[in-house]
Amino acid sequence: MDYNSLIGDKTVPGSIKLWINNALIDVGTILSEAQALIYQHLRVREMIVSDYAFVMAQGDYSKPLPARFLDPIAMRDQYFVRMKARDLPSVKARRWIDATTGAIGQGQPFLFALTGTTIEFNCAADATATGTYLLDYFGAPPLLAPLNQTNFLTDRYPMLLRTACFAAAADFLNDDARVTRYTQRMMALIQDIDVNDDLAMRGSQVDADYSESRA
């Protein structure tokens, strides 16, 4: 299974057009939507991005999220101290206005929240809080394309990708019964994959969190 076979004509083995017996369907859209549907729900180790680095300058209290970001795993400050995730109102409630400058008060950020496009911190970075911060997160891999013929879905989970293509194709054709059928099948496959992916952590121990009560 690869990109070329998936978008091939109805006569090509392994093509979406052959699977659904329709030579006129927009396979490019179907394939893109199928991958997006999978990445809404699937979280496996192939999707982990480790040590995404960004620089906090003095006065920074917000930074853009990386491209194709899905969910956070952990963030560390410039001293490699793990930061705490909170909801956006809780983080903003910790901010204050500097009476001298009128700007958001500066200090060492220790809390963060996420919006659709940004990472928000509980304060602006002061001179001692500048430096490189590190983020581990789940990210959606680049979509299959002419220069990206395969990925972990085609290699490890071809049945999941095929089922998601069926669901996306059924939606394209306004077949609600098949949308429900294949979406349910896709979610069952994802549940099994998540269980098996957790087995990769066999024997691992998770450190207890004894961080300060201020967080």
N, C-alpha and C. Protein backbone atom coordinates (compact mmCIF):
# COMPACT_ATOMS: atom_id res chain seq x y z
N MET A 1 0.85 -1.19 0.00
CA MET A 1 0.00 0.00 0.00
C MET A 1 0.88 1.24 0.00
N ASP A 2 0.64 2.13 -0.96
CA ASP A 2 1.34 3.40 -0.99
C ASP A 2 0.43 4.45 -1.65
N TYR A 3 0.92 5.68 -1.69
CA TYR A 3 0.10 6.78 -2.20
C TYR A 3 -0.34 6.52 -3.64
N ASN A 4 0.58 6.10 -4.49
CA ASN A 4 0.24 5.90 -5.90
C ASN A 4 -0.83 4.84 -6.09
N SER A 5 -0.73 3.75 -5.34
CA SER A 5 -1.74 2.70 -5.49
C SER A 5 -3.08 3.17 -4.94
N LEU A 6 -3.08 3.90 -3.85
CA LEU A 6 -4.33 4.36 -3.24
C LEU A 6 -5.11 5.29 -4.16
N ILE A 7 -4.42 6.18 -4.86
CA ILE A 7 -5.13 7.14 -5.71
C ILE A 7 -5.23 6.65 -7.15
N GLY A 8 -4.82 5.41 -7.40
CA GLY A 8 -4.83 4.87 -8.75
C GLY A 8 -6.22 4.68 -9.32
N ASP A 9 -6.26 4.36 -10.60
CA ASP A 9 -7.53 4.11 -11.27
C ASP A 9 -8.20 2.85 -10.72
N LYS A 10 -9.44 2.66 -11.14
CA LYS A 10 -10.23 1.54 -10.66
C LYS A 10 -9.60 0.20 -11.03
N THR A 11 -8.75 0.18 -12.03
CA THR A 11 -8.11 -1.06 -12.46
C THR A 11 -6.87 -1.39 -11.64
N VAL A 12 -6.44 -0.46 -10.77
CA VAL A 12 -5.20 -0.65 -9.99
C VAL A 12 -5.51 -1.39 -8.70
N PRO A 13 -4.86 -2.54 -8.44
CA PRO A 13 -5.07 -3.24 -7.18
C PRO A 13 -4.70 -2.35 -5.99
N GLY A 14 -5.56 -2.33 -4.98
CA GLY A 14 -5.29 -1.52 -3.80
C GLY A 14 -5.72 -0.08 -3.92
N SER A 15 -6.41 0.28 -4.99
CA SER A 15 -6.86 1.66 -5.15
C SER A 15 -8.19 1.87 -4.44
N ILE A 16 -8.41 3.12 -4.00
CA ILE A 16 -9.67 3.46 -3.35
C ILE A 16 -10.84 3.29 -4.31
N LYS A 17 -10.63 3.64 -5.56
CA LYS A 17 -11.69 3.49 -6.56
C LYS A 17 -12.10 2.03 -6.74
N LEU A 18 -11.13 1.12 -6.67
CA LEU A 18 -11.44 -0.30 -6.78
C LEU A 18 -12.18 -0.77 -5.54
N TRP A 19 -11.73 -0.34 -4.35
CA TRP A 19 -12.37 -0.76 -3.11
C TRP A 19 -13.85 -0.42 -3.10
N ILE A 20 -14.19 0.79 -3.52
CA ILE A 20 -15.58 1.22 -3.41
C ILE A 20 -16.34 1.08 -4.73
N ASN A 21 -15.65 0.53 -5.74
CA ASN A 21 -16.28 0.27 -7.04
C ASN A 21 -16.88 1.54 -7.64
N ASN A 22 -16.05 2.59 -7.65
CA ASN A 22 -16.50 3.88 -8.18
C ASN A 22 -15.30 4.56 -8.85
N ALA A 23 -15.38 4.75 -10.15
CA ALA A 23 -14.26 5.32 -10.91
C ALA A 23 -14.25 6.84 -10.91
N LEU A 24 -15.33 7.46 -10.40
CA LEU A 24 -15.46 8.92 -10.52
C LEU A 24 -15.20 9.65 -9.21
N ILE A 25 -15.02 8.95 -8.13
CA ILE A 25 -14.89 9.59 -6.82
C ILE A 25 -13.58 10.36 -6.72
N ASP A 26 -13.58 11.42 -5.92
CA ASP A 26 -12.41 12.27 -5.71
C ASP A 26 -11.49 11.61 -4.69
N VAL A 27 -10.56 10.78 -5.17
CA VAL A 27 -9.75 9.99 -4.25
C VAL A 27 -8.76 10.84 -3.46
N GLY A 28 -8.31 11.95 -4.00
CA GLY A 28 -7.40 12.81 -3.27
C GLY A 28 -8.05 13.35 -2.00
N THR A 29 -9.28 13.81 -2.16
CA THR A 29 -10.03 14.31 -1.00
C THR A 29 -10.33 13.19 -0.02
N ILE A 30 -10.74 12.04 -0.54
CA ILE A 30 -11.06 10.90 0.32
C ILE A 30 -9.86 10.51 1.16
N LEU A 31 -8.69 10.41 0.55
CA LEU A 31 -7.49 9.99 1.26
C LEU A 31 -7.09 11.02 2.33
N SER A 32 -7.17 12.29 1.99
CA SER A 32 -6.83 13.33 2.97
C SER A 32 -7.79 13.31 4.15
N GLU A 33 -9.09 13.19 3.86
CA GLU A 33 -10.08 13.18 4.93
C GLU A 33 -9.96 11.92 5.78
N ALA A 34 -9.61 10.80 5.18
CA ALA A 34 -9.44 9.56 5.94
C ALA A 34 -8.29 9.69 6.93
N GLN A 35 -7.18 10.27 6.50
CA GLN A 35 -6.05 10.47 7.41
C GLN A 35 -6.40 11.44 8.52
N ALA A 36 -7.10 12.53 8.19
CA ALA A 36 -7.50 13.48 9.21
C ALA A 36 -8.42 12.83 10.24
N LEU A 37 -9.32 11.97 9.76
CA LEU A 37 -10.24 11.27 10.66
C LEU A 37 -9.47 10.37 11.62
N ILE A 38 -8.48 9.66 11.11
CA ILE A 38 -7.66 8.80 11.96
C ILE A 38 -6.92 9.61 13.01
N TYR A 39 -6.29 10.70 12.59
CA TYR A 39 -5.46 11.47 13.51
C TYR A 39 -6.27 12.22 14.55
N GLN A 40 -7.58 12.34 14.34
CA GLN A 40 -8.43 12.91 15.39
C GLN A 40 -8.47 12.02 16.62
N HIS A 41 -8.24 10.72 16.44
CA HIS A 41 -8.46 9.76 17.52
C HIS A 41 -7.21 8.95 17.88
N LEU A 42 -6.36 8.66 16.94
CA LEU A 42 -5.23 7.76 17.18
C LEU A 42 -4.09 8.50 17.86
N ARG A 43 -3.49 7.87 18.89
CA ARG A 43 -2.30 8.41 19.55
C ARG A 43 -1.35 7.24 19.80
N VAL A 44 -0.34 7.11 18.97
CA VAL A 44 0.63 6.03 19.08
C VAL A 44 2.03 6.63 19.05
N ARG A 45 3.02 5.80 19.37
CA ARG A 45 4.38 6.32 19.54
C ARG A 45 4.95 6.92 18.25
N GLU A 46 4.48 6.45 17.09
CA GLU A 46 4.97 7.03 15.84
C GLU A 46 4.55 8.49 15.68
N MET A 47 3.59 8.93 16.48
CA MET A 47 3.11 10.29 16.38
C MET A 47 3.75 11.22 17.43
N ILE A 48 4.65 10.69 18.24
CA ILE A 48 5.29 11.49 19.28
C ILE A 48 6.42 12.32 18.68
N VAL A 49 6.40 13.61 18.95
CA VAL A 49 7.49 14.51 18.59
C VAL A 49 8.19 14.88 19.88
N SER A 50 9.48 14.57 19.97
CA SER A 50 10.23 14.78 21.21
C SER A 50 11.14 15.99 21.10
N ASP A 51 11.17 16.77 22.18
CA ASP A 51 12.11 17.89 22.32
C ASP A 51 11.96 18.94 21.22
N TYR A 52 10.71 19.31 20.94
CA TYR A 52 10.50 20.48 20.08
C TYR A 52 10.96 21.71 20.85
N ALA A 53 11.93 22.41 20.33
CA ALA A 53 12.56 23.52 21.05
C ALA A 53 12.03 24.87 20.57
N PHE A 54 11.75 25.74 21.54
CA PHE A 54 11.41 27.12 21.20
C PHE A 54 12.07 28.03 22.24
N VAL A 55 12.37 29.24 21.82
CA VAL A 55 13.12 30.18 22.67
C VAL A 55 12.16 31.18 23.29
N MET A 56 12.26 31.32 24.60
CA MET A 56 11.52 32.35 25.33
C MET A 56 12.45 33.55 25.53
N ALA A 57 12.06 34.68 24.97
CA ALA A 57 12.79 35.92 25.18
C ALA A 57 12.13 36.69 26.32
N GLN A 58 12.84 37.64 26.89
CA GLN A 58 12.26 38.43 27.96
C GLN A 58 11.00 39.14 27.46
N GLY A 59 9.94 39.03 28.24
CA GLY A 59 8.66 39.62 27.87
C GLY A 59 7.72 38.68 27.16
N ASP A 60 8.19 37.53 26.72
CA ASP A 60 7.31 36.57 26.05
C ASP A 60 6.36 35.92 27.05
N TYR A 61 5.09 35.88 26.74
CA TYR A 61 4.11 35.16 27.55
C TYR A 61 3.25 34.23 26.68
N SER A 62 3.54 34.17 25.39
CA SER A 62 2.80 33.34 24.46
C SER A 62 3.72 32.94 23.31
N LYS A 63 3.59 31.70 22.86
CA LYS A 63 4.40 31.21 21.72
C LYS A 63 3.49 30.41 20.79
N PRO A 64 3.81 30.40 19.49
CA PRO A 64 2.98 29.62 18.56
C PRO A 64 3.18 28.12 18.74
N LEU A 65 2.11 27.37 18.54
CA LEU A 65 2.20 25.91 18.55
C LEU A 65 2.91 25.44 17.29
N PRO A 66 3.61 24.30 17.36
CA PRO A 66 4.22 23.76 16.15
C PRO A 66 3.17 23.31 15.14
N ALA A 67 3.56 23.24 13.90
CA ALA A 67 2.66 22.78 12.85
C ALA A 67 2.22 21.35 13.11
N ARG A 68 0.96 21.05 12.81
CA ARG A 68 0.38 19.72 12.92
C ARG A 68 0.35 19.20 14.36
N PHE A 69 0.36 20.14 15.32
CA PHE A 69 0.24 19.78 16.74
C PHE A 69 -1.13 19.18 17.02
N LEU A 70 -1.16 18.13 17.87
CA LEU A 70 -2.42 17.52 18.27
C LEU A 70 -2.65 17.63 19.78
N ASP A 71 -1.78 17.03 20.57
CA ASP A 71 -1.96 17.03 22.03
C ASP A 71 -0.60 17.13 22.72
N PRO A 72 -0.56 17.81 23.88
CA PRO A 72 0.71 17.90 24.61
C PRO A 72 1.00 16.62 25.39
N ILE A 73 2.26 16.37 25.61
CA ILE A 73 2.70 15.29 26.50
C ILE A 73 3.38 15.87 27.72
N ALA A 74 4.39 16.72 27.50
CA ALA A 74 5.10 17.35 28.60
C ALA A 74 5.86 18.56 28.08
N MET A 75 6.11 19.52 28.98
CA MET A 75 6.92 20.69 28.64
C MET A 75 7.91 20.94 29.77
N ARG A 76 9.12 21.32 29.38
CA ARG A 76 10.17 21.65 30.35
C ARG A 76 10.70 23.05 30.07
N ASP A 77 11.05 23.75 31.17
CA ASP A 77 11.57 25.10 31.01
C ASP A 77 13.07 25.07 30.72
N GLN A 78 13.71 26.22 30.78
CA GLN A 78 15.12 26.30 30.41
C GLN A 78 16.03 25.57 31.40
N TYR A 79 15.49 25.22 32.57
CA TYR A 79 16.24 24.46 33.57
C TYR A 79 15.86 22.98 33.55
N PHE A 80 15.10 22.57 32.55
CA PHE A 80 14.60 21.20 32.41
C PHE A 80 13.61 20.82 33.51
N VAL A 81 12.99 21.82 34.12
CA VAL A 81 11.96 21.57 35.12
C VAL A 81 10.62 21.42 34.39
N ARG A 82 9.90 20.37 34.73
CA ARG A 82 8.63 20.12 34.06
C ARG A 82 7.59 21.16 34.45
N MET A 83 6.90 21.69 33.47
CA MET A 83 5.88 22.70 33.69
C MET A 83 4.50 22.04 33.78
N LYS A 84 3.57 22.74 34.40
CA LYS A 84 2.23 22.21 34.62
C LYS A 84 1.25 22.72 33.57
N ALA A 85 0.42 21.82 33.06
CA ALA A 85 -0.65 22.20 32.13
C ALA A 85 -1.90 22.56 32.91
N ARG A 86 -2.53 23.66 32.52
CA ARG A 86 -3.77 24.10 33.14
C ARG A 86 -4.72 24.58 32.05
N ASP A 87 -5.98 24.79 32.40
CA ASP A 87 -6.91 25.38 31.45
C ASP A 87 -6.59 26.86 31.27
N LEU A 88 -7.03 27.42 30.15
CA LEU A 88 -6.67 28.79 29.81
C LEU A 88 -7.12 29.81 30.86
N PRO A 89 -8.37 29.77 31.38
CA PRO A 89 -8.75 30.75 32.40
C PRO A 89 -7.87 30.70 33.65
N SER A 90 -7.46 29.48 34.06
CA SER A 90 -6.61 29.36 35.24
C SER A 90 -5.24 30.00 35.01
N VAL A 91 -4.70 29.80 33.82
CA VAL A 91 -3.40 30.39 33.50
C VAL A 91 -3.51 31.91 33.43
N LYS A 92 -4.52 32.41 32.77
CA LYS A 92 -4.65 33.87 32.65
C LYS A 92 -4.95 34.52 34.00
N ALA A 93 -5.61 33.80 34.90
CA ALA A 93 -5.91 34.35 36.21
C ALA A 93 -4.64 34.57 37.03
N ARG A 94 -3.56 33.88 36.69
CA ARG A 94 -2.28 34.04 37.40
C ARG A 94 -1.50 35.26 36.90
N ARG A 95 -1.89 35.81 35.77
CA ARG A 95 -1.16 36.96 35.23
C ARG A 95 -1.50 38.23 36.01
N TRP A 96 -0.58 39.17 35.97
CA TRP A 96 -0.81 40.48 36.58
C TRP A 96 -0.21 41.55 35.68
N ILE A 97 -0.60 42.78 35.89
CA ILE A 97 -0.10 43.89 35.10
C ILE A 97 0.95 44.65 35.90
N ASP A 98 2.10 44.85 35.30
CA ASP A 98 3.17 45.63 35.92
C ASP A 98 2.74 47.09 35.99
N ALA A 99 2.69 47.62 37.19
CA ALA A 99 2.21 48.99 37.38
C ALA A 99 3.11 50.02 36.72
N THR A 100 4.38 49.70 36.53
CA THR A 100 5.32 50.65 35.94
C THR A 100 5.23 50.67 34.42
N THR A 101 5.20 49.46 33.82
CA THR A 101 5.23 49.38 32.36
C THR A 101 3.86 49.20 31.72
N GLY A 102 2.89 48.74 32.52
CA GLY A 102 1.57 48.45 31.96
C GLY A 102 1.52 47.15 31.18
N ALA A 103 2.62 46.42 31.17
CA ALA A 103 2.69 45.15 30.45
C ALA A 103 2.41 44.00 31.41
N ILE A 104 2.21 42.79 30.86
CA ILE A 104 2.03 41.61 31.69
C ILE A 104 3.28 41.40 32.54
N GLY A 105 3.07 41.15 33.83
CA GLY A 105 4.17 41.01 34.77
C GLY A 105 5.12 39.88 34.41
N GLN A 106 6.40 40.07 34.73
CA GLN A 106 7.42 39.10 34.37
C GLN A 106 7.83 38.24 35.56
N GLY A 107 8.24 37.03 35.26
CA GLY A 107 8.71 36.10 36.27
C GLY A 107 9.17 34.83 35.58
N GLN A 108 9.20 33.73 36.32
CA GLN A 108 9.54 32.43 35.76
C GLN A 108 8.25 31.67 35.45
N PRO A 109 7.88 31.50 34.19
CA PRO A 109 6.65 30.74 33.88
C PRO A 109 6.75 29.31 34.40
N PHE A 110 5.66 28.85 35.01
CA PHE A 110 5.63 27.45 35.46
C PHE A 110 4.32 26.77 35.10
N LEU A 111 3.36 27.52 34.54
CA LEU A 111 2.10 26.96 34.06
C LEU A 111 1.93 27.30 32.59
N PHE A 112 1.22 26.43 31.86
CA PHE A 112 0.90 26.74 30.46
C PHE A 112 -0.48 26.22 30.12
N ALA A 113 -1.08 26.84 29.13
CA ALA A 113 -2.37 26.40 28.58
C ALA A 113 -2.28 26.50 27.06
N LEU A 114 -3.17 25.83 26.39
CA LEU A 114 -3.16 25.80 24.93
C LEU A 114 -4.42 26.43 24.37
N THR A 115 -4.24 27.20 23.30
CA THR A 115 -5.36 27.62 22.47
C THR A 115 -5.25 26.83 21.16
N GLY A 116 -6.02 27.22 20.18
CA GLY A 116 -5.93 26.52 18.90
C GLY A 116 -4.62 26.73 18.19
N THR A 117 -3.91 27.82 18.51
CA THR A 117 -2.69 28.15 17.78
C THR A 117 -1.50 28.52 18.66
N THR A 118 -1.72 28.70 19.96
CA THR A 118 -0.65 29.21 20.81
C THR A 118 -0.50 28.43 22.11
N ILE A 119 0.69 28.59 22.71
CA ILE A 119 0.95 28.17 24.09
C ILE A 119 0.94 29.44 24.93
N GLU A 120 0.10 29.48 25.95
CA GLU A 120 -0.01 30.65 26.82
C GLU A 120 0.59 30.33 28.18
N PHE A 121 1.34 31.29 28.75
CA PHE A 121 2.02 31.09 30.03
C PHE A 121 1.42 31.98 31.11
N ASN A 122 1.66 31.60 32.36
CA ASN A 122 1.05 32.32 33.47
C ASN A 122 1.69 33.68 33.73
N CYS A 123 2.84 33.95 33.13
CA CYS A 123 3.47 35.26 33.25
C CYS A 123 4.41 35.44 32.06
N ALA A 124 4.86 36.65 31.87
CA ALA A 124 5.89 36.90 30.86
C ALA A 124 7.24 36.48 31.43
N ALA A 125 8.13 36.07 30.57
CA ALA A 125 9.46 35.64 31.01
C ALA A 125 10.28 36.85 31.43
N ASP A 126 10.93 36.75 32.61
CA ASP A 126 11.85 37.80 33.00
C ASP A 126 13.25 37.46 32.50
N ALA A 127 14.23 38.27 32.88
CA ALA A 127 15.58 38.10 32.35
C ALA A 127 16.18 36.74 32.73
N THR A 128 15.79 36.19 33.88
CA THR A 128 16.34 34.90 34.31
C THR A 128 15.56 33.72 33.72
N ALA A 129 14.39 33.99 33.12
CA ALA A 129 13.55 32.90 32.58
C ALA A 129 13.72 32.73 31.08
N THR A 130 14.63 33.48 30.47
CA THR A 130 14.84 33.35 29.03
C THR A 130 15.64 32.08 28.73
N GLY A 131 15.49 31.60 27.51
CA GLY A 131 16.24 30.41 27.10
C GLY A 131 15.39 29.47 26.28
N THR A 132 15.89 28.27 26.10
CA THR A 132 15.23 27.26 25.27
C THR A 132 14.34 26.37 26.11
N TYR A 133 13.07 26.32 25.74
CA TYR A 133 12.10 25.44 26.39
C TYR A 133 11.83 24.26 25.45
N LEU A 134 11.42 23.14 26.02
CA LEU A 134 11.25 21.91 25.25
C LEU A 134 9.83 21.36 25.43
N LEU A 135 9.24 20.96 24.32
CA LEU A 135 7.88 20.43 24.32
C LEU A 135 7.86 19.05 23.66
N ASP A 136 7.29 18.08 24.36
CA ASP A 136 6.99 16.77 23.78
C ASP A 136 5.49 16.74 23.49
N TYR A 137 5.12 16.25 22.31
CA TYR A 137 3.71 16.29 21.95
C TYR A 137 3.37 15.23 20.91
N PHE A 138 2.09 14.97 20.76
CA PHE A 138 1.59 14.15 19.66
C PHE A 138 1.32 15.08 18.47
N GLY A 139 1.86 14.71 17.32
CA GLY A 139 1.65 15.49 16.12
C GLY A 139 1.16 14.61 14.98
N ALA A 140 0.35 15.19 14.11
CA ALA A 140 -0.11 14.47 12.93
C ALA A 140 1.02 14.41 11.90
N PRO A 141 1.40 13.23 11.45
CA PRO A 141 2.46 13.13 10.44
C PRO A 141 2.04 13.81 9.13
N PRO A 142 2.99 14.15 8.29
CA PRO A 142 2.64 14.71 6.97
C PRO A 142 1.72 13.75 6.22
N LEU A 143 0.77 14.30 5.50
CA LEU A 143 -0.16 13.48 4.75
C LEU A 143 0.56 12.76 3.61
N LEU A 144 0.04 11.61 3.24
CA LEU A 144 0.56 10.89 2.09
C LEU A 144 0.47 11.78 0.85
N ALA A 145 1.50 11.72 0.02
CA ALA A 145 1.60 12.61 -1.13
C ALA A 145 2.57 12.00 -2.13
N PRO A 146 2.69 12.60 -3.33
CA PRO A 146 3.61 12.04 -4.33
C PRO A 146 5.04 11.88 -3.82
N LEU A 147 5.50 12.79 -2.96
CA LEU A 147 6.85 12.70 -2.41
C LEU A 147 6.87 12.08 -1.02
N ASN A 148 5.73 11.59 -0.57
CA ASN A 148 5.61 10.93 0.73
C ASN A 148 4.72 9.71 0.54
N GLN A 149 5.26 8.71 -0.11
CA GLN A 149 4.46 7.58 -0.60
C GLN A 149 3.93 6.67 0.51
N THR A 150 4.67 6.54 1.59
CA THR A 150 4.26 5.64 2.68
C THR A 150 4.48 6.34 4.03
N ASN A 151 3.80 5.82 5.04
CA ASN A 151 4.06 6.24 6.42
C ASN A 151 3.69 5.08 7.33
N PHE A 152 3.62 5.33 8.64
CA PHE A 152 3.38 4.22 9.55
C PHE A 152 1.99 3.62 9.37
N LEU A 153 1.04 4.38 8.83
CA LEU A 153 -0.29 3.82 8.58
C LEU A 153 -0.22 2.77 7.47
N THR A 154 0.45 3.09 6.38
CA THR A 154 0.54 2.13 5.28
C THR A 154 1.40 0.94 5.66
N ASP A 155 2.38 1.14 6.54
CA ASP A 155 3.30 0.07 6.90
C ASP A 155 2.76 -0.82 8.01
N ARG A 156 2.20 -0.21 9.07
CA ARG A 156 1.78 -0.98 10.24
C ARG A 156 0.27 -1.18 10.32
N TYR A 157 -0.51 -0.22 9.82
CA TYR A 157 -1.95 -0.26 10.03
C TYR A 157 -2.73 -0.05 8.72
N PRO A 158 -2.44 -0.85 7.70
CA PRO A 158 -3.15 -0.66 6.42
C PRO A 158 -4.65 -0.89 6.53
N MET A 159 -5.07 -1.82 7.40
CA MET A 159 -6.51 -2.06 7.54
C MET A 159 -7.21 -0.83 8.13
N LEU A 160 -6.55 -0.15 9.06
CA LEU A 160 -7.13 1.07 9.63
C LEU A 160 -7.29 2.14 8.56
N LEU A 161 -6.26 2.32 7.76
CA LEU A 161 -6.33 3.33 6.71
C LEU A 161 -7.41 2.97 5.69
N ARG A 162 -7.50 1.70 5.33
CA ARG A 162 -8.53 1.28 4.36
C ARG A 162 -9.93 1.52 4.92
N THR A 163 -10.13 1.19 6.20
CA THR A 163 -11.44 1.38 6.81
C THR A 163 -11.80 2.86 6.88
N ALA A 164 -10.82 3.72 7.21
CA ALA A 164 -11.08 5.16 7.24
C ALA A 164 -11.39 5.68 5.85
N CYS A 165 -10.76 5.12 4.82
CA CYS A 165 -11.08 5.52 3.45
C CYS A 165 -12.51 5.13 3.09
N PHE A 166 -12.95 3.96 3.54
CA PHE A 166 -14.34 3.56 3.31
C PHE A 166 -15.30 4.54 3.97
N ALA A 167 -14.98 4.95 5.22
CA ALA A 167 -15.84 5.88 5.94
C ALA A 167 -15.90 7.23 5.23
N ALA A 168 -14.73 7.72 4.81
CA ALA A 168 -14.69 9.02 4.12
C ALA A 168 -15.40 8.94 2.77
N ALA A 169 -15.25 7.82 2.07
CA ALA A 169 -15.92 7.66 0.78
C ALA A 169 -17.43 7.59 0.96
N ALA A 170 -17.89 6.91 2.00
CA ALA A 170 -19.32 6.82 2.26
C ALA A 170 -19.90 8.20 2.57
N ASP A 171 -19.16 9.00 3.31
CA ASP A 171 -19.62 10.35 3.59
C ASP A 171 -19.66 11.18 2.31
N PHE A 172 -18.66 11.00 1.45
CA PHE A 172 -18.61 11.70 0.17
C PHE A 172 -19.83 11.36 -0.69
N LEU A 173 -20.29 10.11 -0.56
CA LEU A 173 -21.42 9.64 -1.36
C LEU A 173 -22.76 9.77 -0.62
N ASN A 174 -22.74 10.42 0.55
CA ASN A 174 -23.96 10.65 1.34
C ASN A 174 -24.65 9.35 1.73
N ASP A 175 -23.85 8.34 2.08
CA ASP A 175 -24.38 7.06 2.51
C ASP A 175 -24.21 6.97 4.03
N ASP A 176 -25.20 7.47 4.77
CA ASP A 176 -25.07 7.58 6.22
C ASP A 176 -24.91 6.23 6.90
N ALA A 177 -25.58 5.21 6.41
CA ALA A 177 -25.50 3.89 7.04
C ALA A 177 -24.07 3.36 6.97
N ARG A 178 -23.44 3.53 5.81
CA ARG A 178 -22.06 3.06 5.67
C ARG A 178 -21.08 3.95 6.44
N VAL A 179 -21.37 5.23 6.54
CA VAL A 179 -20.52 6.10 7.37
C VAL A 179 -20.49 5.57 8.80
N THR A 180 -21.68 5.28 9.34
CA THR A 180 -21.76 4.77 10.71
C THR A 180 -21.05 3.44 10.84
N ARG A 181 -21.29 2.56 9.89
CA ARG A 181 -20.69 1.21 9.93
C ARG A 181 -19.17 1.28 9.94
N TYR A 182 -18.60 2.03 9.02
CA TYR A 182 -17.14 2.05 8.89
C TYR A 182 -16.48 2.92 9.96
N THR A 183 -17.17 3.94 10.43
CA THR A 183 -16.61 4.74 11.53
C THR A 183 -16.54 3.90 12.80
N GLN A 184 -17.58 3.13 13.07
CA GLN A 184 -17.55 2.24 14.24
C GLN A 184 -16.45 1.21 14.11
N ARG A 185 -16.27 0.66 12.92
CA ARG A 185 -15.21 -0.31 12.70
C ARG A 185 -13.84 0.35 12.89
N MET A 186 -13.69 1.57 12.38
CA MET A 186 -12.43 2.30 12.54
C MET A 186 -12.12 2.54 14.02
N MET A 187 -13.12 2.96 14.80
CA MET A 187 -12.89 3.23 16.21
C MET A 187 -12.53 1.96 16.97
N ALA A 188 -13.10 0.83 16.58
CA ALA A 188 -12.74 -0.44 17.22
C ALA A 188 -11.29 -0.80 16.91
N LEU A 189 -10.87 -0.57 15.67
CA LEU A 189 -9.48 -0.83 15.32
C LEU A 189 -8.53 0.08 16.10
N ILE A 190 -8.89 1.36 16.22
CA ILE A 190 -8.05 2.30 16.97
C ILE A 190 -7.95 1.88 18.43
N GLN A 191 -9.05 1.41 19.00
CA GLN A 191 -9.01 0.97 20.39
C GLN A 191 -8.05 -0.20 20.55
N ASP A 192 -8.08 -1.15 19.63
CA ASP A 192 -7.16 -2.29 19.70
C ASP A 192 -5.71 -1.83 19.52
N ILE A 193 -5.49 -0.90 18.60
CA ILE A 193 -4.14 -0.40 18.37
C ILE A 193 -3.61 0.31 19.61
N ASP A 194 -4.46 1.11 20.26
CA ASP A 194 -4.03 1.83 21.46
C ASP A 194 -3.63 0.85 22.56
N VAL A 195 -4.39 -0.22 22.71
CA VAL A 195 -4.06 -1.22 23.73
C VAL A 195 -2.72 -1.87 23.42
N ASN A 196 -2.53 -2.27 22.17
CA ASN A 196 -1.27 -2.91 21.79
C ASN A 196 -0.10 -1.95 21.87
N ASP A 197 -0.33 -0.67 21.54
CA ASP A 197 0.75 0.30 21.63
C ASP A 197 1.18 0.51 23.06
N ASP A 198 0.25 0.42 24.00
CA ASP A 198 0.60 0.55 25.42
C ASP A 198 1.52 -0.57 25.88
N LEU A 199 1.47 -1.71 25.20
CA LEU A 199 2.33 -2.82 25.57
C LEU A 199 3.80 -2.49 25.36
N ALA A 200 4.08 -1.48 24.54
CA ALA A 200 5.47 -1.05 24.34
C ALA A 200 6.06 -0.48 25.62
N MET A 201 5.19 -0.13 26.59
CA MET A 201 5.65 0.41 27.87
C MET A 201 5.83 -0.68 28.93
N ARG A 202 5.73 -1.94 28.53
CA ARG A 202 5.89 -3.02 29.49
C ARG A 202 7.24 -2.92 30.20
N GLY A 203 7.19 -3.01 31.54
CA GLY A 203 8.40 -2.92 32.33
C GLY A 203 8.81 -1.50 32.68
N SER A 204 8.13 -0.50 32.10
CA SER A 204 8.47 0.89 32.38
C SER A 204 7.86 1.33 33.71
N GLN A 205 8.52 2.28 34.36
CA GLN A 205 7.99 2.88 35.57
C GLN A 205 7.81 4.36 35.34
N VAL A 206 6.78 4.92 35.93
CA VAL A 206 6.48 6.34 35.82
C VAL A 206 6.91 7.04 37.10
N ASP A 207 7.71 8.09 36.99
CA ASP A 207 8.16 8.82 38.16
C ASP A 207 6.99 9.52 38.84
N ALA A 208 6.98 9.50 40.16
CA ALA A 208 5.99 10.26 40.93
C ALA A 208 6.28 11.75 40.79
N ASP A 209 5.22 12.55 40.90
CA ASP A 209 5.34 14.01 40.77
C ASP A 209 5.30 14.64 42.16
N TYR A 210 6.46 15.17 42.56
CA TYR A 210 6.56 15.84 43.87
C TYR A 210 6.80 17.33 43.69
N SER A 211 6.28 17.90 42.60
CA SER A 211 6.50 19.31 42.34
C SER A 211 5.82 20.19 43.37
N GLU A 212 6.18 21.46 43.37
CA GLU A 212 5.72 22.41 44.37
C GLU A 212 4.20 22.57 44.34
N SER A 213 3.63 22.87 45.49
CA SER A 213 2.19 23.03 45.61
C SER A 213 1.70 24.29 44.91
N ARG A 214 2.60 25.26 44.59
CA ARG A 214 2.17 26.49 43.94
C ARG A 214 1.50 26.21 42.60
N ALA A 215 1.82 25.07 41.96
CA ALA A 215 1.25 24.75 40.67
C ALA A 215 -0.14 24.17 40.83
